[in-house]
Amino acid sequence: MIDDEKFIRGKVPMTKQEIRILTLAKARIDFNSVVVDVGAGTGSITIEAARLAPNGKIFAVERNPTAVELIKRNVEKFSVNNVEIICAEAPDGLENLPELDVAIIGGSGGRLEKILDALKLKIGGRVVVNAITLQTAAACVEYFKTHNWNYEACQVQITRLERVGNYDMAKTLNPVWIITAKKF
């Protein structure tokens, strides 16, 4: 896993390393996976997924042009050649994707249901949603429940030590709901 500080970030949100590790473990990406990263931000999950699936294809969908430029720079920095960047507000940009093994949703802009409806997942394909608001988590669980998907959810809270003078203080990151579902 890549350390957070190695990514080119600017002022664009980035999924922190500990959350990336859990998200990618839940995604179960393999050597040949076809993956979409919706709300890709800086591309931290995109880059990690591309490294896990060197014979696969990763699609990074991001609406923010500044973030798209950061993704391009990070793709170049980490020399991954299996990434296609789509500058669009999902679900726009999803319609021409091939069947997916994995969909990771890190940002939905309030359009979660439309995004989930637009995904073309293979049977056995997985969706992993990272939600920082209770409303997004609730909408996600409700969607999976009403569409008869098997799902699981966990909330994680990461606390890191930060050096302050001679002391080590706890610095808490935002809690994140990680909701995973599998298509049958």
N, C-alpha and C. Protein backbone atom coordinates (compact mmCIF):
# COMPACT_ATOMS: atom_id res chain seq x y z
N MET A 1 0.83 -1.18 0.00
CA MET A 1 0.00 0.00 0.00
C MET A 1 0.88 1.25 0.00
N ILE A 2 0.40 2.24 -0.67
CA ILE A 2 1.15 3.48 -0.83
C ILE A 2 0.85 4.41 0.35
N ASP A 3 1.88 5.03 0.88
CA ASP A 3 1.71 6.02 1.95
C ASP A 3 0.97 7.24 1.41
N ASP A 4 0.09 7.81 2.23
CA ASP A 4 -0.73 8.97 1.82
C ASP A 4 0.11 10.11 1.25
N GLU A 5 1.23 10.40 1.92
CA GLU A 5 2.03 11.56 1.51
C GLU A 5 2.70 11.39 0.15
N LYS A 6 2.70 10.19 -0.40
CA LYS A 6 3.30 9.98 -1.72
C LYS A 6 2.38 10.39 -2.86
N PHE A 7 1.09 10.52 -2.58
CA PHE A 7 0.15 10.96 -3.61
C PHE A 7 0.22 12.47 -3.79
N ILE A 8 0.07 12.91 -5.03
CA ILE A 8 -0.08 14.33 -5.32
C ILE A 8 -1.53 14.65 -4.97
N ARG A 9 -1.73 15.62 -4.07
CA ARG A 9 -3.06 15.77 -3.51
C ARG A 9 -3.71 17.12 -3.75
N GLY A 10 -3.02 18.19 -3.59
CA GLY A 10 -3.67 19.49 -3.68
C GLY A 10 -4.72 19.62 -2.60
N LYS A 11 -5.86 20.21 -2.94
CA LYS A 11 -6.95 20.39 -1.96
C LYS A 11 -8.13 19.49 -2.26
N VAL A 12 -7.88 18.40 -2.95
CA VAL A 12 -8.93 17.45 -3.32
C VAL A 12 -8.99 16.35 -2.26
N PRO A 13 -10.20 15.94 -1.85
CA PRO A 13 -10.31 14.87 -0.85
C PRO A 13 -9.63 13.58 -1.32
N MET A 14 -9.08 12.87 -0.34
CA MET A 14 -8.38 11.62 -0.65
C MET A 14 -8.77 10.57 0.38
N THR A 15 -9.02 9.36 -0.08
CA THR A 15 -9.27 8.24 0.82
C THR A 15 -7.95 7.88 1.49
N LYS A 16 -7.95 7.92 2.82
CA LYS A 16 -6.72 7.67 3.58
C LYS A 16 -6.32 6.20 3.50
N GLN A 17 -5.04 5.95 3.72
CA GLN A 17 -4.45 4.63 3.53
C GLN A 17 -5.21 3.53 4.27
N GLU A 18 -5.54 3.73 5.52
CA GLU A 18 -6.21 2.68 6.29
C GLU A 18 -7.57 2.33 5.69
N ILE A 19 -8.28 3.35 5.20
CA ILE A 19 -9.59 3.11 4.57
C ILE A 19 -9.40 2.45 3.22
N ARG A 20 -8.36 2.85 2.47
CA ARG A 20 -8.06 2.20 1.19
C ARG A 20 -7.81 0.70 1.39
N ILE A 21 -7.03 0.38 2.42
CA ILE A 21 -6.71 -1.03 2.69
C ILE A 21 -7.99 -1.83 2.91
N LEU A 22 -8.87 -1.32 3.77
CA LEU A 22 -10.13 -2.03 4.05
C LEU A 22 -11.03 -2.09 2.82
N THR A 23 -11.12 -0.98 2.10
CA THR A 23 -11.96 -0.92 0.90
C THR A 23 -11.49 -1.93 -0.14
N LEU A 24 -10.20 -1.97 -0.38
CA LEU A 24 -9.66 -2.89 -1.39
C LEU A 24 -9.76 -4.34 -0.93
N ALA A 25 -9.64 -4.59 0.36
CA ALA A 25 -9.83 -5.95 0.86
C ALA A 25 -11.28 -6.39 0.63
N LYS A 26 -12.23 -5.50 0.89
CA LYS A 26 -13.65 -5.82 0.66
C LYS A 26 -13.95 -5.99 -0.84
N ALA A 27 -13.23 -5.25 -1.68
CA ALA A 27 -13.47 -5.31 -3.13
C ALA A 27 -12.99 -6.61 -3.75
N ARG A 28 -11.97 -7.21 -3.16
CA ARG A 28 -11.42 -8.49 -3.66
C ARG A 28 -11.00 -8.41 -5.13
N ILE A 29 -10.27 -7.38 -5.46
CA ILE A 29 -9.77 -7.17 -6.82
C ILE A 29 -8.71 -8.22 -7.12
N ASP A 30 -8.81 -8.81 -8.31
CA ASP A 30 -7.79 -9.78 -8.70
C ASP A 30 -7.01 -9.28 -9.91
N PHE A 31 -6.09 -10.10 -10.37
CA PHE A 31 -5.13 -9.77 -11.42
C PHE A 31 -5.78 -9.21 -12.69
N ASN A 32 -6.99 -9.69 -13.03
CA ASN A 32 -7.65 -9.32 -14.29
C ASN A 32 -8.92 -8.50 -14.10
N SER A 33 -9.17 -7.99 -12.93
CA SER A 33 -10.45 -7.31 -12.64
C SER A 33 -10.67 -6.06 -13.49
N VAL A 34 -11.95 -5.84 -13.80
CA VAL A 34 -12.40 -4.60 -14.43
C VAL A 34 -13.14 -3.84 -13.33
N VAL A 35 -12.65 -2.62 -13.03
CA VAL A 35 -13.09 -1.88 -11.86
C VAL A 35 -13.46 -0.46 -12.25
N VAL A 36 -14.49 0.08 -11.61
CA VAL A 36 -14.77 1.50 -11.72
C VAL A 36 -14.64 2.11 -10.33
N ASP A 37 -13.99 3.28 -10.28
CA ASP A 37 -13.85 4.06 -9.06
C ASP A 37 -14.64 5.34 -9.28
N VAL A 38 -15.83 5.41 -8.69
CA VAL A 38 -16.73 6.55 -8.88
C VAL A 38 -16.46 7.58 -7.79
N GLY A 39 -16.27 8.82 -8.19
CA GLY A 39 -15.89 9.87 -7.24
C GLY A 39 -14.44 9.67 -6.85
N ALA A 40 -13.59 9.54 -7.86
CA ALA A 40 -12.21 9.09 -7.68
C ALA A 40 -11.30 10.07 -6.94
N GLY A 41 -11.69 11.33 -6.84
CA GLY A 41 -10.87 12.30 -6.08
C GLY A 41 -9.46 12.43 -6.62
N THR A 42 -8.47 12.11 -5.79
CA THR A 42 -7.07 12.19 -6.21
C THR A 42 -6.64 10.96 -7.00
N GLY A 43 -7.47 9.92 -6.95
CA GLY A 43 -7.11 8.67 -7.63
C GLY A 43 -6.39 7.69 -6.74
N SER A 44 -6.39 7.89 -5.43
CA SER A 44 -5.65 6.98 -4.56
C SER A 44 -6.17 5.55 -4.65
N ILE A 45 -7.49 5.37 -4.67
CA ILE A 45 -8.05 4.02 -4.83
C ILE A 45 -7.83 3.53 -6.25
N THR A 46 -7.97 4.40 -7.22
CA THR A 46 -7.72 4.03 -8.62
C THR A 46 -6.31 3.46 -8.78
N ILE A 47 -5.33 4.15 -8.24
CA ILE A 47 -3.93 3.73 -8.37
C ILE A 47 -3.71 2.39 -7.69
N GLU A 48 -4.21 2.25 -6.46
CA GLU A 48 -4.04 0.98 -5.73
C GLU A 48 -4.73 -0.16 -6.47
N ALA A 49 -5.93 0.09 -7.00
CA ALA A 49 -6.65 -0.94 -7.75
C ALA A 49 -5.89 -1.32 -9.02
N ALA A 50 -5.32 -0.33 -9.69
CA ALA A 50 -4.55 -0.60 -10.91
C ALA A 50 -3.35 -1.49 -10.62
N ARG A 51 -2.75 -1.31 -9.47
CA ARG A 51 -1.60 -2.14 -9.09
C ARG A 51 -2.04 -3.56 -8.72
N LEU A 52 -3.25 -3.71 -8.19
CA LEU A 52 -3.77 -5.04 -7.85
C LEU A 52 -4.24 -5.81 -9.08
N ALA A 53 -4.61 -5.08 -10.13
CA ALA A 53 -5.14 -5.69 -11.35
C ALA A 53 -4.31 -5.29 -12.56
N PRO A 54 -3.03 -5.69 -12.62
CA PRO A 54 -2.18 -5.23 -13.73
C PRO A 54 -2.65 -5.69 -15.11
N ASN A 55 -3.41 -6.78 -15.17
CA ASN A 55 -3.96 -7.24 -16.45
C ASN A 55 -5.42 -6.84 -16.61
N GLY A 56 -5.93 -6.04 -15.69
CA GLY A 56 -7.31 -5.59 -15.73
C GLY A 56 -7.40 -4.18 -16.27
N LYS A 57 -8.52 -3.55 -15.99
CA LYS A 57 -8.78 -2.18 -16.44
C LYS A 57 -9.48 -1.44 -15.32
N ILE A 58 -9.03 -0.23 -15.04
CA ILE A 58 -9.61 0.59 -14.00
C ILE A 58 -10.15 1.87 -14.64
N PHE A 59 -11.40 2.18 -14.37
CA PHE A 59 -12.03 3.40 -14.86
C PHE A 59 -12.21 4.33 -13.66
N ALA A 60 -11.65 5.53 -13.74
CA ALA A 60 -11.79 6.53 -12.69
C ALA A 60 -12.79 7.57 -13.17
N VAL A 61 -13.92 7.67 -12.50
CA VAL A 61 -14.96 8.64 -12.87
C VAL A 61 -14.94 9.76 -11.84
N GLU A 62 -14.72 10.97 -12.31
CA GLU A 62 -14.60 12.13 -11.41
C GLU A 62 -15.17 13.36 -12.11
N ARG A 63 -15.99 14.14 -11.39
CA ARG A 63 -16.63 15.32 -11.98
C ARG A 63 -15.81 16.59 -11.87
N ASN A 64 -14.89 16.65 -10.91
CA ASN A 64 -14.11 17.86 -10.63
C ASN A 64 -12.88 17.91 -11.55
N PRO A 65 -12.81 18.90 -12.46
CA PRO A 65 -11.66 18.99 -13.38
C PRO A 65 -10.31 19.08 -12.67
N THR A 66 -10.26 19.75 -11.52
CA THR A 66 -9.01 19.83 -10.76
C THR A 66 -8.60 18.44 -10.28
N ALA A 67 -9.56 17.68 -9.80
CA ALA A 67 -9.29 16.31 -9.36
C ALA A 67 -8.86 15.43 -10.53
N VAL A 68 -9.49 15.61 -11.68
CA VAL A 68 -9.12 14.83 -12.86
C VAL A 68 -7.64 15.06 -13.20
N GLU A 69 -7.20 16.30 -13.11
CA GLU A 69 -5.78 16.59 -13.37
C GLU A 69 -4.87 15.91 -12.34
N LEU A 70 -5.31 15.88 -11.08
CA LEU A 70 -4.52 15.19 -10.05
C LEU A 70 -4.46 13.69 -10.33
N ILE A 71 -5.59 13.11 -10.75
CA ILE A 71 -5.59 11.68 -11.09
C ILE A 71 -4.58 11.42 -12.21
N LYS A 72 -4.61 12.26 -13.24
CA LYS A 72 -3.66 12.11 -14.35
C LYS A 72 -2.22 12.15 -13.85
N ARG A 73 -1.94 13.11 -12.97
CA ARG A 73 -0.57 13.24 -12.44
C ARG A 73 -0.19 12.03 -11.58
N ASN A 74 -1.13 11.52 -10.79
CA ASN A 74 -0.84 10.34 -9.97
C ASN A 74 -0.69 9.08 -10.81
N VAL A 75 -1.49 8.96 -11.86
CA VAL A 75 -1.34 7.82 -12.78
C VAL A 75 0.07 7.82 -13.37
N GLU A 76 0.50 9.00 -13.79
CA GLU A 76 1.85 9.14 -14.36
C GLU A 76 2.92 8.86 -13.30
N LYS A 77 2.75 9.43 -12.12
CA LYS A 77 3.74 9.27 -11.06
C LYS A 77 3.94 7.80 -10.69
N PHE A 78 2.85 7.05 -10.61
CA PHE A 78 2.94 5.65 -10.19
C PHE A 78 3.02 4.68 -11.37
N SER A 79 3.12 5.22 -12.58
CA SER A 79 3.35 4.43 -13.80
C SER A 79 2.36 3.27 -13.97
N VAL A 80 1.08 3.57 -13.78
CA VAL A 80 0.06 2.56 -14.05
C VAL A 80 -0.52 2.85 -15.43
N ASN A 81 -0.58 1.84 -16.25
CA ASN A 81 -1.02 2.05 -17.64
C ASN A 81 -2.36 1.40 -17.96
N ASN A 82 -3.08 0.98 -16.92
CA ASN A 82 -4.37 0.32 -17.14
C ASN A 82 -5.53 1.14 -16.58
N VAL A 83 -5.36 2.47 -16.57
CA VAL A 83 -6.37 3.38 -16.04
C VAL A 83 -6.92 4.25 -17.16
N GLU A 84 -8.24 4.37 -17.19
CA GLU A 84 -8.91 5.33 -18.08
C GLU A 84 -9.68 6.31 -17.20
N ILE A 85 -9.44 7.59 -17.40
CA ILE A 85 -10.08 8.63 -16.60
C ILE A 85 -11.25 9.21 -17.38
N ILE A 86 -12.39 9.30 -16.70
CA ILE A 86 -13.61 9.83 -17.31
C ILE A 86 -14.04 11.05 -16.50
N CYS A 87 -14.01 12.21 -17.14
CA CYS A 87 -14.43 13.44 -16.47
C CYS A 87 -15.94 13.60 -16.70
N ALA A 88 -16.70 13.19 -15.68
CA ALA A 88 -18.16 13.25 -15.77
C ALA A 88 -18.74 13.15 -14.37
N GLU A 89 -19.98 13.62 -14.23
CA GLU A 89 -20.68 13.47 -12.96
C GLU A 89 -21.54 12.22 -13.06
N ALA A 90 -21.14 11.19 -12.33
CA ALA A 90 -21.86 9.92 -12.37
C ALA A 90 -23.32 10.13 -11.96
N PRO A 91 -24.24 9.44 -12.62
CA PRO A 91 -24.02 8.25 -13.43
C PRO A 91 -23.57 8.51 -14.86
N ASP A 92 -23.52 9.78 -15.28
CA ASP A 92 -22.95 10.05 -16.61
C ASP A 92 -21.54 9.48 -16.64
N GLY A 93 -21.15 8.92 -17.75
CA GLY A 93 -19.82 8.33 -17.87
C GLY A 93 -19.81 6.84 -17.59
N LEU A 94 -20.88 6.32 -17.00
CA LEU A 94 -20.93 4.88 -16.70
C LEU A 94 -21.57 4.07 -17.84
N GLU A 95 -22.33 4.74 -18.69
CA GLU A 95 -23.12 4.03 -19.70
C GLU A 95 -22.29 3.24 -20.71
N ASN A 96 -21.08 3.66 -21.00
CA ASN A 96 -20.27 2.96 -22.01
C ASN A 96 -19.22 2.03 -21.43
N LEU A 97 -19.26 1.81 -20.13
CA LEU A 97 -18.28 0.91 -19.51
C LEU A 97 -18.63 -0.54 -19.81
N PRO A 98 -17.63 -1.40 -19.83
CA PRO A 98 -17.92 -2.82 -20.00
C PRO A 98 -18.50 -3.39 -18.71
N GLU A 99 -18.84 -4.67 -18.72
CA GLU A 99 -19.28 -5.33 -17.49
C GLU A 99 -18.15 -5.25 -16.47
N LEU A 100 -18.53 -4.99 -15.23
CA LEU A 100 -17.55 -4.75 -14.18
C LEU A 100 -17.48 -5.91 -13.20
N ASP A 101 -16.27 -6.15 -12.70
CA ASP A 101 -16.08 -7.08 -11.59
C ASP A 101 -16.31 -6.37 -10.27
N VAL A 102 -15.89 -5.10 -10.21
CA VAL A 102 -15.95 -4.33 -8.97
C VAL A 102 -16.30 -2.88 -9.27
N ALA A 103 -17.17 -2.33 -8.41
CA ALA A 103 -17.46 -0.89 -8.44
C ALA A 103 -17.17 -0.36 -7.04
N ILE A 104 -16.35 0.68 -6.97
CA ILE A 104 -16.05 1.34 -5.72
C ILE A 104 -16.60 2.75 -5.82
N ILE A 105 -17.43 3.12 -4.85
CA ILE A 105 -18.06 4.44 -4.88
C ILE A 105 -17.59 5.22 -3.66
N GLY A 106 -16.82 6.26 -3.93
CA GLY A 106 -16.29 7.08 -2.85
C GLY A 106 -16.97 8.43 -2.77
N GLY A 107 -17.69 8.77 -3.80
CA GLY A 107 -18.43 10.03 -3.84
C GLY A 107 -19.57 9.88 -4.81
N SER A 108 -20.75 10.30 -4.39
CA SER A 108 -21.92 10.12 -5.26
C SER A 108 -22.64 11.43 -5.57
N GLY A 109 -22.27 12.51 -4.91
CA GLY A 109 -22.91 13.80 -5.17
C GLY A 109 -24.42 13.75 -4.99
N GLY A 110 -24.92 12.91 -4.10
CA GLY A 110 -26.35 12.79 -3.88
C GLY A 110 -27.08 11.97 -4.93
N ARG A 111 -26.33 11.30 -5.79
CA ARG A 111 -26.94 10.54 -6.89
C ARG A 111 -26.69 9.03 -6.74
N LEU A 112 -26.58 8.57 -5.51
CA LEU A 112 -26.19 7.18 -5.26
C LEU A 112 -27.10 6.17 -5.94
N GLU A 113 -28.42 6.33 -5.79
CA GLU A 113 -29.34 5.36 -6.39
C GLU A 113 -29.18 5.31 -7.91
N LYS A 114 -29.07 6.45 -8.55
CA LYS A 114 -28.90 6.48 -10.00
C LYS A 114 -27.58 5.83 -10.42
N ILE A 115 -26.54 6.05 -9.61
CA ILE A 115 -25.24 5.43 -9.90
C ILE A 115 -25.34 3.92 -9.77
N LEU A 116 -25.93 3.45 -8.69
CA LEU A 116 -26.07 1.99 -8.50
C LEU A 116 -26.91 1.38 -9.60
N ASP A 117 -27.97 2.07 -10.03
CA ASP A 117 -28.81 1.58 -11.13
C ASP A 117 -28.03 1.48 -12.44
N ALA A 118 -27.08 2.37 -12.65
CA ALA A 118 -26.34 2.44 -13.92
C ALA A 118 -25.19 1.44 -14.01
N LEU A 119 -24.77 0.87 -12.89
CA LEU A 119 -23.63 -0.06 -12.92
C LEU A 119 -23.98 -1.33 -13.67
N LYS A 120 -23.04 -1.78 -14.50
CA LYS A 120 -23.20 -3.05 -15.21
C LYS A 120 -22.23 -4.05 -14.57
N LEU A 121 -22.70 -4.67 -13.50
CA LEU A 121 -21.87 -5.63 -12.77
C LEU A 121 -22.09 -7.04 -13.29
N LYS A 122 -21.01 -7.79 -13.38
CA LYS A 122 -21.11 -9.21 -13.69
C LYS A 122 -21.78 -9.91 -12.52
N ILE A 123 -22.37 -11.07 -12.79
CA ILE A 123 -22.88 -11.90 -11.70
C ILE A 123 -21.68 -12.23 -10.81
N GLY A 124 -21.84 -12.03 -9.52
CA GLY A 124 -20.74 -12.21 -8.58
C GLY A 124 -19.92 -10.95 -8.38
N GLY A 125 -20.25 -9.90 -9.14
CA GLY A 125 -19.54 -8.63 -9.00
C GLY A 125 -19.81 -7.98 -7.66
N ARG A 126 -18.88 -7.14 -7.23
CA ARG A 126 -18.98 -6.52 -5.90
C ARG A 126 -19.05 -5.00 -6.02
N VAL A 127 -19.82 -4.42 -5.10
CA VAL A 127 -19.88 -2.97 -4.95
C VAL A 127 -19.38 -2.65 -3.55
N VAL A 128 -18.50 -1.67 -3.46
CA VAL A 128 -18.04 -1.19 -2.16
C VAL A 128 -18.29 0.32 -2.13
N VAL A 129 -19.08 0.74 -1.16
CA VAL A 129 -19.42 2.16 -1.02
C VAL A 129 -18.77 2.67 0.27
N ASN A 130 -18.03 3.75 0.15
CA ASN A 130 -17.48 4.44 1.32
C ASN A 130 -18.36 5.66 1.57
N ALA A 131 -19.02 5.67 2.72
CA ALA A 131 -19.94 6.75 3.04
C ALA A 131 -19.48 7.47 4.30
N ILE A 132 -19.37 8.79 4.21
CA ILE A 132 -18.99 9.55 5.40
C ILE A 132 -20.19 10.19 6.07
N THR A 133 -21.34 10.20 5.39
CA THR A 133 -22.54 10.75 6.02
C THR A 133 -23.51 9.61 6.32
N LEU A 134 -24.28 9.80 7.37
CA LEU A 134 -25.29 8.82 7.76
C LEU A 134 -26.34 8.68 6.67
N GLN A 135 -26.67 9.78 6.00
CA GLN A 135 -27.69 9.74 4.95
C GLN A 135 -27.24 8.87 3.78
N THR A 136 -25.97 8.99 3.38
CA THR A 136 -25.47 8.15 2.29
C THR A 136 -25.45 6.69 2.70
N ALA A 137 -25.00 6.41 3.91
CA ALA A 137 -24.97 5.03 4.40
C ALA A 137 -26.38 4.45 4.43
N ALA A 138 -27.35 5.21 4.95
CA ALA A 138 -28.73 4.74 5.03
C ALA A 138 -29.32 4.51 3.64
N ALA A 139 -29.07 5.44 2.72
CA ALA A 139 -29.58 5.29 1.35
C ALA A 139 -28.99 4.04 0.69
N CYS A 140 -27.73 3.79 0.95
CA CYS A 140 -27.05 2.64 0.36
C CYS A 140 -27.65 1.33 0.89
N VAL A 141 -27.79 1.23 2.19
CA VAL A 141 -28.36 0.02 2.80
C VAL A 141 -29.79 -0.18 2.30
N GLU A 142 -30.56 0.89 2.26
CA GLU A 142 -31.95 0.79 1.79
C GLU A 142 -32.00 0.31 0.34
N TYR A 143 -31.11 0.83 -0.50
CA TYR A 143 -31.05 0.40 -1.90
C TYR A 143 -30.78 -1.11 -1.98
N PHE A 144 -29.76 -1.56 -1.28
CA PHE A 144 -29.41 -2.99 -1.34
C PHE A 144 -30.53 -3.85 -0.77
N LYS A 145 -31.18 -3.37 0.26
CA LYS A 145 -32.28 -4.13 0.87
C LYS A 145 -33.45 -4.26 -0.11
N THR A 146 -33.85 -3.14 -0.73
CA THR A 146 -35.02 -3.17 -1.62
C THR A 146 -34.73 -3.86 -2.95
N HIS A 147 -33.44 -3.99 -3.30
CA HIS A 147 -33.08 -4.68 -4.54
C HIS A 147 -32.60 -6.12 -4.28
N ASN A 148 -32.80 -6.59 -3.06
CA ASN A 148 -32.47 -7.96 -2.67
C ASN A 148 -31.02 -8.34 -2.92
N TRP A 149 -30.12 -7.42 -2.62
CA TRP A 149 -28.69 -7.71 -2.69
C TRP A 149 -28.24 -8.20 -1.31
N ASN A 150 -27.31 -9.11 -1.27
CA ASN A 150 -26.65 -9.45 -0.01
C ASN A 150 -25.65 -8.35 0.29
N TYR A 151 -25.69 -7.82 1.49
CA TYR A 151 -24.79 -6.72 1.82
C TYR A 151 -24.31 -6.86 3.25
N GLU A 152 -23.24 -6.17 3.53
CA GLU A 152 -22.71 -6.04 4.89
C GLU A 152 -22.20 -4.62 5.03
N ALA A 153 -22.13 -4.17 6.26
CA ALA A 153 -21.64 -2.81 6.50
C ALA A 153 -20.84 -2.78 7.80
N CYS A 154 -19.83 -1.95 7.80
CA CYS A 154 -19.08 -1.70 9.03
C CYS A 154 -18.70 -0.23 9.04
N GLN A 155 -18.57 0.30 10.22
CA GLN A 155 -18.09 1.67 10.35
C GLN A 155 -16.71 1.61 10.99
N VAL A 156 -15.78 2.34 10.40
CA VAL A 156 -14.43 2.35 10.94
C VAL A 156 -14.04 3.77 11.33
N GLN A 157 -13.30 3.84 12.40
CA GLN A 157 -12.80 5.11 12.92
C GLN A 157 -11.29 4.96 13.07
N ILE A 158 -10.54 5.74 12.36
CA ILE A 158 -9.09 5.67 12.41
C ILE A 158 -8.56 6.82 13.26
N THR A 159 -7.66 6.50 14.15
CA THR A 159 -6.99 7.50 14.95
C THR A 159 -5.49 7.31 14.77
N ARG A 160 -4.82 8.36 14.41
CA ARG A 160 -3.37 8.32 14.23
C ARG A 160 -2.70 9.13 15.33
N LEU A 161 -1.47 8.75 15.63
CA LEU A 161 -0.69 9.57 16.57
C LEU A 161 -0.03 10.69 15.80
N GLU A 162 -0.06 11.87 16.39
CA GLU A 162 0.59 13.04 15.79
C GLU A 162 1.53 13.63 16.83
N ARG A 163 2.75 13.84 16.42
CA ARG A 163 3.76 14.39 17.33
C ARG A 163 3.50 15.87 17.55
N VAL A 164 3.38 16.29 18.81
CA VAL A 164 3.19 17.69 19.17
C VAL A 164 4.21 17.98 20.26
N GLY A 165 5.31 18.60 19.85
CA GLY A 165 6.40 18.84 20.80
C GLY A 165 6.94 17.51 21.31
N ASN A 166 6.96 17.35 22.61
CA ASN A 166 7.44 16.10 23.22
C ASN A 166 6.34 15.07 23.41
N TYR A 167 5.16 15.36 22.93
CA TYR A 167 4.00 14.50 23.19
C TYR A 167 3.49 13.87 21.90
N ASP A 168 2.80 12.75 22.09
CA ASP A 168 2.07 12.10 21.00
C ASP A 168 0.59 12.26 21.29
N MET A 169 -0.12 12.91 20.37
CA MET A 169 -1.55 13.15 20.56
C MET A 169 -2.34 12.37 19.52
N ALA A 170 -3.54 12.00 19.91
CA ALA A 170 -4.42 11.29 18.99
C ALA A 170 -5.06 12.29 18.02
N LYS A 171 -4.97 11.98 16.73
CA LYS A 171 -5.64 12.77 15.71
C LYS A 171 -6.64 11.85 15.03
N THR A 172 -7.91 12.15 15.20
CA THR A 172 -8.97 11.29 14.70
C THR A 172 -9.36 11.70 13.28
N LEU A 173 -9.48 10.72 12.40
CA LEU A 173 -9.97 10.95 11.04
C LEU A 173 -11.48 10.74 11.04
N ASN A 174 -12.15 11.24 10.01
CA ASN A 174 -13.60 11.06 9.92
C ASN A 174 -13.96 9.58 9.93
N PRO A 175 -15.02 9.20 10.67
CA PRO A 175 -15.48 7.82 10.58
C PRO A 175 -16.06 7.56 9.19
N VAL A 176 -15.93 6.34 8.72
CA VAL A 176 -16.39 5.97 7.38
C VAL A 176 -17.19 4.69 7.47
N TRP A 177 -18.36 4.68 6.85
CA TRP A 177 -19.11 3.45 6.66
C TRP A 177 -18.59 2.78 5.40
N ILE A 178 -18.26 1.51 5.49
CA ILE A 178 -17.87 0.73 4.31
C ILE A 178 -18.96 -0.30 4.12
N ILE A 179 -19.70 -0.14 3.02
CA ILE A 179 -20.85 -1.00 2.74
C ILE A 179 -20.51 -1.81 1.49
N THR A 180 -20.62 -3.11 1.61
CA THR A 180 -20.22 -4.02 0.53
C THR A 180 -21.42 -4.87 0.13
N ALA A 181 -21.61 -5.05 -1.15
CA ALA A 181 -22.69 -5.91 -1.66
C ALA A 181 -22.18 -6.72 -2.83
N LYS A 182 -22.81 -7.87 -3.02
CA LYS A 182 -22.44 -8.78 -4.11
C LYS A 182 -23.66 -9.05 -4.96
N LYS A 183 -23.47 -9.01 -6.28
CA LYS A 183 -24.57 -9.25 -7.21
C LYS A 183 -24.74 -10.74 -7.45
N PHE A 184 -25.98 -11.19 -7.34
CA PHE A 184 -26.29 -12.61 -7.63
C PHE A 184 -27.15 -12.72 -8.85
